[in-house]
Amino acid sequence: MQRRTILHAGAALGLVAFAPQLFAAGKVKPAGNSALIVVDVQNCFLDGGTLAVKGGNEVIPVINKLAPAFENIVVTQDWHTAGHASFASTHSGKKPFETTQLKYGTQVLWPDHCVLGTDDAGLAKDLVVPTAQLIIRKGFHKDMDSYSAFEEADHKTATGLAGYLKARRIKTVFITGLATDFCVAWTAMDARKAGFEVYVIEDATRGIDLNGSLAKAWKDMTAKGVKRIQSTDIA
């Protein structure tokens, strides 16, 4: 599965069936060896941001309510240089949401967003995760994007998150944040690849949904063994 094929549209994308065994049965109580991962809840993806995700602000109170259930929390930030390779403005004649070929494969081109050090890249001011111990910044290499909190787009460059979690003896991760069909999905699938049990808390995420990308992301996550739950499933 190539990271940047997520935008391929097809009629079948709306006809996704989820195996019941991949959903959590009953309440799930996070243990001491669990971690909550809060993906990219930043101003750039909220209302008025440079790449606003519809309903993005709605995840904040859900995440805040979940946070006290977790001893371990990791936060991620999209953290791009000016003139980043993933920006449409960097490529002559290209518009946002078109694609281009880079050395690691097909890249979706975005509006300029989350430029490092700007208010746009800052974490949402209303996000309350007091036990967060680590911020993972991703996408800061100018010539390479990184949707996943675990690996950059070349599938070779590790962020160090897997090693950190394993050093902390974390076995299970619960993923929230923005956007479901990009950074959340790729973080979830790479977490599975790294050997973690993975839950995505659906109502604590929101998607962009370009050309069926949201349905495709859930289909891909399900195929990798990611479990889809709601915040009310957390004990």
C-alpha atoms as a PDB file:
ATOM      1  CA  MET A   1       0.000   0.000   0.000  1.00  0.00           C
ATOM      2  CA  GLN A   2       1.514   3.304  -1.086  1.00  0.00           C
ATOM      3  CA  ARG A   3       1.049   6.219   1.286  1.00  0.00           C
ATOM      4  CA  ARG A   4       0.035   8.691  -1.366  1.00  0.00           C
ATOM      5  CA  THR A   5      -2.505   6.503  -3.220  1.00  0.00           C
ATOM      6  CA  ILE A   6      -5.159   7.491  -0.689  1.00  0.00           C
ATOM      7  CA  LEU A   7      -6.858   9.874  -3.113  1.00  0.00           C
ATOM      8  CA  HIS A   8      -7.634   7.332  -5.842  1.00  0.00           C
ATOM      9  CA  ALA A   9     -11.357   7.570  -6.304  1.00  0.00           C
ATOM     10  CA  GLY A  10     -13.636   4.690  -7.138  1.00  0.00           C
ATOM     11  CA  ALA A  11     -17.261   3.862  -6.849  1.00  0.00           C
ATOM     12  CA  ALA A  12     -16.496   1.035  -4.455  1.00  0.00           C
ATOM     13  CA  LEU A  13     -15.184   3.467  -1.862  1.00  0.00           C
ATOM     14  CA  GLY A  14     -18.665   4.152  -0.579  1.00  0.00           C
ATOM     15  CA  LEU A  15     -19.433   0.472  -0.139  1.00  0.00           C
ATOM     16  CA  VAL A  16     -17.136  -0.340   2.739  1.00  0.00           C
ATOM     17  CA  ALA A  17     -18.030  -3.236   5.014  1.00  0.00           C
ATOM     18  CA  PHE A  18     -16.374  -3.485   8.415  1.00  0.00           C
ATOM     19  CA  ALA A  19     -15.772  -6.862  10.012  1.00  0.00           C
ATOM     20  CA  PRO A  20     -17.592  -6.892  13.371  1.00  0.00           C
ATOM     21  CA  GLN A  21     -14.643  -8.481  15.130  1.00  0.00           C
ATOM     22  CA  LEU A  22     -12.560  -5.398  14.410  1.00  0.00           C
ATOM     23  CA  PHE A  23     -14.817  -3.239  16.569  1.00  0.00           C
ATOM     24  CA  ALA A  24     -14.361  -3.119  20.313  1.00  0.00           C
ATOM     25  CA  ALA A  25     -16.874  -5.211  22.248  1.00  0.00           C
ATOM     26  CA  GLY A  26     -18.149  -3.360  25.301  1.00  0.00           C
ATOM     27  CA  LYS A  27     -16.211  -0.774  27.252  1.00  0.00           C
ATOM     28  CA  VAL A  28     -12.454  -0.372  26.843  1.00  0.00           C
ATOM     29  CA  LYS A  29     -10.471   0.742  29.885  1.00  0.00           C
ATOM     30  CA  PRO A  30      -7.046   2.211  29.083  1.00  0.00           C
ATOM     31  CA  ALA A  31      -4.384   0.558  31.223  1.00  0.00           C
ATOM     32  CA  GLY A  32      -1.032   1.903  32.356  1.00  0.00           C
ATOM     33  CA  ASN A  33       0.495   0.452  29.198  1.00  0.00           C
ATOM     34  CA  SER A  34      -1.835   2.472  26.949  1.00  0.00           C
ATOM     35  CA  ALA A  35      -1.220   5.854  25.361  1.00  0.00           C
ATOM     36  CA  LEU A  36      -3.480   8.482  23.847  1.00  0.00           C
ATOM     37  CA  ILE A  37      -2.085  10.011  20.647  1.00  0.00           C
ATOM     38  CA  VAL A  38      -3.494  13.438  19.780  1.00  0.00           C
ATOM     39  CA  VAL A  39      -2.762  14.088  16.117  1.00  0.00           C
ATOM     40  CA  ASP A  40      -2.346  17.629  14.773  1.00  0.00           C
ATOM     41  CA  VAL A  41      -4.997  19.516  16.743  1.00  0.00           C
ATOM     42  CA  GLN A  42      -3.522  22.783  15.506  1.00  0.00           C
ATOM     43  CA  ASN A  43      -4.808  26.175  14.491  1.00  0.00           C
ATOM     44  CA  CYS A  44      -4.097  25.479  10.819  1.00  0.00           C
ATOM     45  CA  PHE A  45      -6.677  22.672  10.796  1.00  0.00           C
ATOM     46  CA  LEU A  46      -9.327  24.475  12.858  1.00  0.00           C
ATOM     47  CA  ASP A  47     -11.949  27.006  11.803  1.00  0.00           C
ATOM     48  CA  GLY A  48     -10.193  29.949  10.158  1.00  0.00           C
ATOM     49  CA  GLY A  49      -6.948  28.020   9.662  1.00  0.00           C
ATOM     50  CA  THR A  50      -5.030  27.731   6.424  1.00  0.00           C
ATOM     51  CA  LEU A  51      -6.172  24.121   5.866  1.00  0.00           C
ATOM     52  CA  ALA A  52      -9.335  23.978   7.956  1.00  0.00           C
ATOM     53  CA  VAL A  53     -10.940  20.574   8.425  1.00  0.00           C
ATOM     54  CA  LYS A  54     -14.728  20.776   8.569  1.00  0.00           C
ATOM     55  CA  GLY A  55     -15.789  20.236  12.166  1.00  0.00           C
ATOM     56  CA  GLY A  56     -12.189  20.191  13.357  1.00  0.00           C
ATOM     57  CA  ASN A  57     -12.969  22.274  16.431  1.00  0.00           C
ATOM     58  CA  GLU A  58     -15.482  19.643  17.546  1.00  0.00           C
ATOM     59  CA  VAL A  59     -12.737  17.155  18.459  1.00  0.00           C
ATOM     60  CA  ILE A  60     -11.294  19.393  21.175  1.00  0.00           C
ATOM     61  CA  PRO A  61     -13.917  18.881  23.916  1.00  0.00           C
ATOM     62  CA  VAL A  62     -14.012  15.156  23.153  1.00  0.00           C
ATOM     63  CA  ILE A  63     -10.235  14.830  23.525  1.00  0.00           C
ATOM     64  CA  ASN A  64     -10.270  16.954  26.682  1.00  0.00           C
ATOM     65  CA  LYS A  65     -12.860  14.632  28.193  1.00  0.00           C
ATOM     66  CA  LEU A  66     -10.819  11.552  27.244  1.00  0.00           C
ATOM     67  CA  ALA A  67      -7.465  12.832  28.498  1.00  0.00           C
ATOM     68  CA  PRO A  68      -7.948  12.115  32.245  1.00  0.00           C
ATOM     69  CA  ALA A  69      -8.384   8.408  31.447  1.00  0.00           C
ATOM     70  CA  PHE A  70      -4.777   8.182  30.187  1.00  0.00           C
ATOM     71  CA  GLU A  71      -1.517   8.187  32.117  1.00  0.00           C
ATOM     72  CA  ASN A  72       0.416   8.553  28.850  1.00  0.00           C
ATOM     73  CA  ILE A  73      -0.351  11.127  26.150  1.00  0.00           C
ATOM     74  CA  VAL A  74       1.615  12.050  23.020  1.00  0.00           C
ATOM     75  CA  VAL A  75       0.783  15.098  20.898  1.00  0.00           C
ATOM     76  CA  THR A  76       1.838  15.600  17.287  1.00  0.00           C
ATOM     77  CA  GLN A  77       2.313  18.777  15.265  1.00  0.00           C
ATOM     78  CA  ASP A  78       2.510  19.311  11.531  1.00  0.00           C
ATOM     79  CA  TRP A  79       5.631  21.500  11.323  1.00  0.00           C
ATOM     80  CA  HIS A  80       6.540  22.598   7.808  1.00  0.00           C
ATOM     81  CA  THR A  81       9.256  24.841   6.470  1.00  0.00           C
ATOM     82  CA  ALA A  82       8.277  27.743   4.234  1.00  0.00           C
ATOM     83  CA  GLY A  83       8.311  26.540   0.621  1.00  0.00           C
ATOM     84  CA  HIS A  84       7.694  22.935   1.691  1.00  0.00           C
ATOM     85  CA  ALA A  85       7.491  20.293  -1.049  1.00  0.00           C
ATOM     86  CA  SER A  86       3.892  19.503  -0.084  1.00  0.00           C
ATOM     87  CA  PHE A  87       2.712  23.064  -0.769  1.00  0.00           C
ATOM     88  CA  ALA A  88       1.042  23.730  -4.111  1.00  0.00           C
ATOM     89  CA  SER A  89       2.657  27.175  -4.126  1.00  0.00           C
ATOM     90  CA  THR A  90       6.074  25.511  -4.373  1.00  0.00           C
ATOM     91  CA  HIS A  91       5.197  23.924  -7.734  1.00  0.00           C
ATOM     92  CA  SER A  92       4.663  26.186 -10.731  1.00  0.00           C
ATOM     93  CA  GLY A  93       1.228  25.769 -12.291  1.00  0.00           C
ATOM     94  CA  LYS A  94      -0.100  23.527  -9.528  1.00  0.00           C
ATOM     95  CA  LYS A  95      -3.168  24.168  -7.394  1.00  0.00           C
ATOM     96  CA  PRO A  96      -4.055  22.913  -3.909  1.00  0.00           C
ATOM     97  CA  PHE A  97      -5.421  19.359  -3.835  1.00  0.00           C
ATOM     98  CA  GLU A  98      -3.746  18.394  -7.103  1.00  0.00           C
ATOM     99  CA  THR A  99      -0.909  15.858  -6.990  1.00  0.00           C
ATOM    100  CA  THR A 100       2.678  15.704  -8.145  1.00  0.00           C
ATOM    101  CA  GLN A 101       5.421  13.094  -8.224  1.00  0.00           C
ATOM    102  CA  LEU A 102       8.225  13.440  -5.711  1.00  0.00           C
ATOM    103  CA  LYS A 103      11.128  11.075  -5.097  1.00  0.00           C
ATOM    104  CA  TYR A 104       9.103   9.026  -2.604  1.00  0.00           C
ATOM    105  CA  GLY A 105       5.923   8.783  -4.702  1.00  0.00           C
ATOM    106  CA  THR A 106       2.706  10.675  -5.349  1.00  0.00           C
ATOM    107  CA  GLN A 107       2.278  13.764  -3.176  1.00  0.00           C
ATOM    108  CA  VAL A 108      -0.995  15.573  -2.586  1.00  0.00           C
ATOM    109  CA  LEU A 109      -0.360  19.307  -2.806  1.00  0.00           C
ATOM    110  CA  TRP A 110      -1.844  21.418  -0.035  1.00  0.00           C
ATOM    111  CA  PRO A 111      -2.334  25.107   0.636  1.00  0.00           C
ATOM    112  CA  ASP A 112       0.558  26.565   2.635  1.00  0.00           C
ATOM    113  CA  HIS A 113      -0.175  25.514   6.215  1.00  0.00           C
ATOM    114  CA  CYS A 114       1.394  24.852   9.619  1.00  0.00           C
ATOM    115  CA  VAL A 115       4.584  26.749   8.829  1.00  0.00           C
ATOM    116  CA  LEU A 116       6.904  26.162  11.752  1.00  0.00           C
ATOM    117  CA  GLY A 117       6.999  28.824  14.418  1.00  0.00           C
ATOM    118  CA  THR A 118       3.792  30.554  13.281  1.00  0.00           C
ATOM    119  CA  ASP A 119       0.530  30.877  15.197  1.00  0.00           C
ATOM    120  CA  ASP A 120      -1.071  28.813  12.426  1.00  0.00           C
ATOM    121  CA  ALA A 121       1.098  25.854  13.489  1.00  0.00           C
ATOM    122  CA  GLY A 122       0.339  26.273  17.182  1.00  0.00           C
ATOM    123  CA  LEU A 123      -1.659  23.763  19.179  1.00  0.00           C
ATOM    124  CA  ALA A 124      -5.296  24.695  19.755  1.00  0.00           C
ATOM    125  CA  LYS A 125      -5.476  26.971  22.782  1.00  0.00           C
ATOM    126  CA  ASP A 126      -8.474  25.108  24.201  1.00  0.00           C
ATOM    127  CA  LEU A 127      -6.790  21.697  24.048  1.00  0.00           C
ATOM    128  CA  VAL A 128      -6.269  20.427  27.609  1.00  0.00           C
ATOM    129  CA  VAL A 129      -3.966  17.405  27.880  1.00  0.00           C
ATOM    130  CA  PRO A 130      -2.022  18.009  31.107  1.00  0.00           C
ATOM    131  CA  THR A 131      -0.309  14.618  31.205  1.00  0.00           C
ATOM    132  CA  ALA A 132       1.131  14.923  27.685  1.00  0.00           C
ATOM    133  CA  GLN A 133       4.828  14.061  27.929  1.00  0.00           C
ATOM    134  CA  LEU A 134       5.985  14.316  24.321  1.00  0.00           C
ATOM    135  CA  ILE A 135       5.372  16.419  21.217  1.00  0.00           C
ATOM    136  CA  ILE A 136       6.329  14.804  17.915  1.00  0.00           C
ATOM    137  CA  ARG A 137       6.881  17.351  15.139  1.00  0.00           C
ATOM    138  CA  LYS A 138       6.587  15.991  11.634  1.00  0.00           C
ATOM    139  CA  GLY A 139       6.957  17.238   8.085  1.00  0.00           C
ATOM    140  CA  PHE A 140       9.839  19.567   8.918  1.00  0.00           C
ATOM    141  CA  HIS A 141      12.153  18.148   6.237  1.00  0.00           C
ATOM    142  CA  LYS A 142      11.646  20.565   3.349  1.00  0.00           C
ATOM    143  CA  ASP A 143      11.646  17.934   0.609  1.00  0.00           C
ATOM    144  CA  MET A 144       9.536  15.269   2.325  1.00  0.00           C
ATOM    145  CA  ASP A 145       6.070  15.164   3.834  1.00  0.00           C
ATOM    146  CA  SER A 146       5.057  13.098   6.848  1.00  0.00           C
ATOM    147  CA  TYR A 147       1.449  12.241   7.560  1.00  0.00           C
ATOM    148  CA  SER A 148       2.314   9.523  10.051  1.00  0.00           C
ATOM    149  CA  ALA A 149       3.620  10.192  13.542  1.00  0.00           C
ATOM    150  CA  PHE A 150       5.767   7.052  13.207  1.00  0.00           C
ATOM    151  CA  GLU A 151       7.390   7.286   9.756  1.00  0.00           C
ATOM    152  CA  GLU A 152       8.026   9.915   7.135  1.00  0.00           C
ATOM    153  CA  ALA A 153       6.820   9.545   3.577  1.00  0.00           C
ATOM    154  CA  ASP A 154       9.825   7.541   2.395  1.00  0.00           C
ATOM    155  CA  HIS A 155       8.790   4.670   4.702  1.00  0.00           C
ATOM    156  CA  LYS A 156      12.373   4.637   5.986  1.00  0.00           C
ATOM    157  CA  THR A 157      12.858   7.682   8.190  1.00  0.00           C
ATOM    158  CA  ALA A 158      11.529   6.970  11.681  1.00  0.00           C
ATOM    159  CA  THR A 159      10.307   9.778  13.914  1.00  0.00           C
ATOM    160  CA  GLY A 160      11.385   7.870  17.033  1.00  0.00           C
ATOM    161  CA  LEU A 161       7.845   7.554  18.370  1.00  0.00           C
ATOM    162  CA  ALA A 162       7.758   3.749  18.208  1.00  0.00           C
ATOM    163  CA  GLY A 163      11.003   3.507  20.163  1.00  0.00           C
ATOM    164  CA  TYR A 164       9.758   5.978  22.759  1.00  0.00           C
ATOM    165  CA  LEU A 165       6.501   4.103  23.281  1.00  0.00           C
ATOM    166  CA  LYS A 166       8.244   0.747  23.509  1.00  0.00           C
ATOM    167  CA  ALA A 167      10.747   2.137  26.008  1.00  0.00           C
ATOM    168  CA  ARG A 168       7.736   3.213  28.076  1.00  0.00           C
ATOM    169  CA  ARG A 169       6.306  -0.332  27.695  1.00  0.00           C
ATOM    170  CA  ILE A 170       3.252   0.915  25.870  1.00  0.00           C
ATOM    171  CA  LYS A 171       1.302  -1.865  24.162  1.00  0.00           C
ATOM    172  CA  THR A 172      -1.903  -0.119  23.054  1.00  0.00           C
ATOM    173  CA  VAL A 173      -2.496   3.265  21.450  1.00  0.00           C
ATOM    174  CA  PHE A 174      -5.727   5.214  21.095  1.00  0.00           C
ATOM    175  CA  ILE A 175      -5.615   7.746  18.265  1.00  0.00           C
ATOM    176  CA  THR A 176      -7.553  10.997  17.977  1.00  0.00           C
ATOM    177  CA  GLY A 177      -7.207  14.234  16.031  1.00  0.00           C
ATOM    178  CA  LEU A 178      -6.998  15.557  12.492  1.00  0.00           C
ATOM    179  CA  ALA A 179      -7.490  14.558   9.811  1.00  0.00           C
ATOM    180  CA  THR A 180      -9.019  11.079   9.924  1.00  0.00           C
ATOM    181  CA  ASP A 181      -8.193  10.176   6.335  1.00  0.00           C
ATOM    182  CA  PHE A 182      -4.618  11.443   6.327  1.00  0.00           C
ATOM    183  CA  CYS A 183      -2.481  11.893   9.434  1.00  0.00           C
ATOM    184  CA  VAL A 184      -4.758   9.898  11.754  1.00  0.00           C
ATOM    185  CA  ALA A 185      -5.087   6.983   9.337  1.00  0.00           C
ATOM    186  CA  TRP A 186      -1.401   6.750   8.492  1.00  0.00           C
ATOM    187  CA  THR A 187      -0.449   7.060  12.153  1.00  0.00           C
ATOM    188  CA  ALA A 188      -2.844   4.250  12.994  1.00  0.00           C
ATOM    189  CA  MET A 189      -1.597   1.937  10.257  1.00  0.00           C
ATOM    190  CA  ASP A 190       2.054   2.584  11.061  1.00  0.00           C
ATOM    191  CA  ALA A 191       1.310   1.923  14.734  1.00  0.00           C
ATOM    192  CA  ARG A 192      -0.059  -1.474  13.730  1.00  0.00           C
ATOM    193  CA  LYS A 193       3.031  -2.098  11.612  1.00  0.00           C
ATOM    194  CA  ALA A 194       5.161  -1.312  14.662  1.00  0.00           C
ATOM    195  CA  GLY A 195       3.308  -3.959  16.657  1.00  0.00           C
ATOM    196  CA  PHE A 196       0.877  -1.936  18.768  1.00  0.00           C
ATOM    197  CA  GLU A 197      -2.773  -2.673  19.369  1.00  0.00           C
ATOM    198  CA  VAL A 198      -4.559   0.314  17.855  1.00  0.00           C
ATOM    199  CA  TYR A 199      -7.905   2.002  18.396  1.00  0.00           C
ATOM    200  CA  VAL A 200      -9.100   5.061  16.486  1.00  0.00           C
ATOM    201  CA  ILE A 201     -11.720   6.998  18.440  1.00  0.00           C
ATOM    202  CA  GLU A 202     -13.944   8.077  15.583  1.00  0.00           C
ATOM    203  CA  ASP A 203     -15.876  10.928  17.226  1.00  0.00           C
ATOM    204  CA  ALA A 204     -12.551  12.434  18.362  1.00  0.00           C
ATOM    205  CA  THR A 205     -11.466  12.751  14.704  1.00  0.00           C
ATOM    206  CA  ARG A 206     -12.678  14.600  11.624  1.00  0.00           C
ATOM    207  CA  GLY A 207     -11.813  13.973   7.986  1.00  0.00           C
ATOM    208  CA  ILE A 208     -11.084  16.015   4.878  1.00  0.00           C
ATOM    209  CA  ASP A 209     -12.688  13.476   2.505  1.00  0.00           C
ATOM    210  CA  LEU A 210     -11.217  14.225  -0.898  1.00  0.00           C
ATOM    211  CA  ASN A 211     -12.677  12.031  -3.632  1.00  0.00           C
ATOM    212  CA  GLY A 212     -13.699   9.266  -1.242  1.00  0.00           C
ATOM    213  CA  SER A 213     -10.531   9.390   0.859  1.00  0.00           C
ATOM    214  CA  LEU A 214     -12.395   9.037   4.170  1.00  0.00           C
ATOM    215  CA  ALA A 215     -14.135   5.779   3.262  1.00  0.00           C
ATOM    216  CA  LYS A 216     -10.898   4.461   1.779  1.00  0.00           C
ATOM    217  CA  ALA A 217      -8.991   5.335   4.942  1.00  0.00           C
ATOM    218  CA  TRP A 218     -11.429   3.397   7.137  1.00  0.00           C
ATOM    219  CA  LYS A 219     -11.259   0.453   4.734  1.00  0.00           C
ATOM    220  CA  ASP A 220      -7.447   0.488   4.811  1.00  0.00           C
ATOM    221  CA  MET A 221      -7.300   0.851   8.592  1.00  0.00           C
ATOM    222  CA  THR A 222      -9.741  -2.011   9.076  1.00  0.00           C
ATOM    223  CA  ALA A 223      -7.668  -4.225   6.773  1.00  0.00           C
ATOM    224  CA  LYS A 224      -4.636  -3.548   8.994  1.00  0.00           C
ATOM    225  CA  GLY A 225      -6.490  -4.493  12.178  1.00  0.00           C
ATOM    226  CA  VAL A 226      -7.199  -1.005  13.506  1.00  0.00           C
ATOM    227  CA  LYS A 227     -10.247  -0.986  15.779  1.00  0.00           C
ATOM    228  CA  ARG A 228     -12.870   1.720  15.340  1.00  0.00           C
ATOM    229  CA  ILE A 229     -14.570   2.936  18.512  1.00  0.00           C
ATOM    230  CA  GLN A 230     -16.360   5.959  19.965  1.00  0.00           C
ATOM    231  CA  SER A 231     -15.379   8.044  22.980  1.00  0.00           C
ATOM    232  CA  THR A 232     -18.327   6.529  24.862  1.00  0.00           C
ATOM    233  CA  ASP A 233     -16.621   3.137  24.562  1.00  0.00           C
ATOM    234  CA  ILE A 234     -13.831   4.335  26.876  1.00  0.00           C
ATOM    235  CA  ALA A 235     -14.473   3.306  30.470  1.00  0.00           C
END
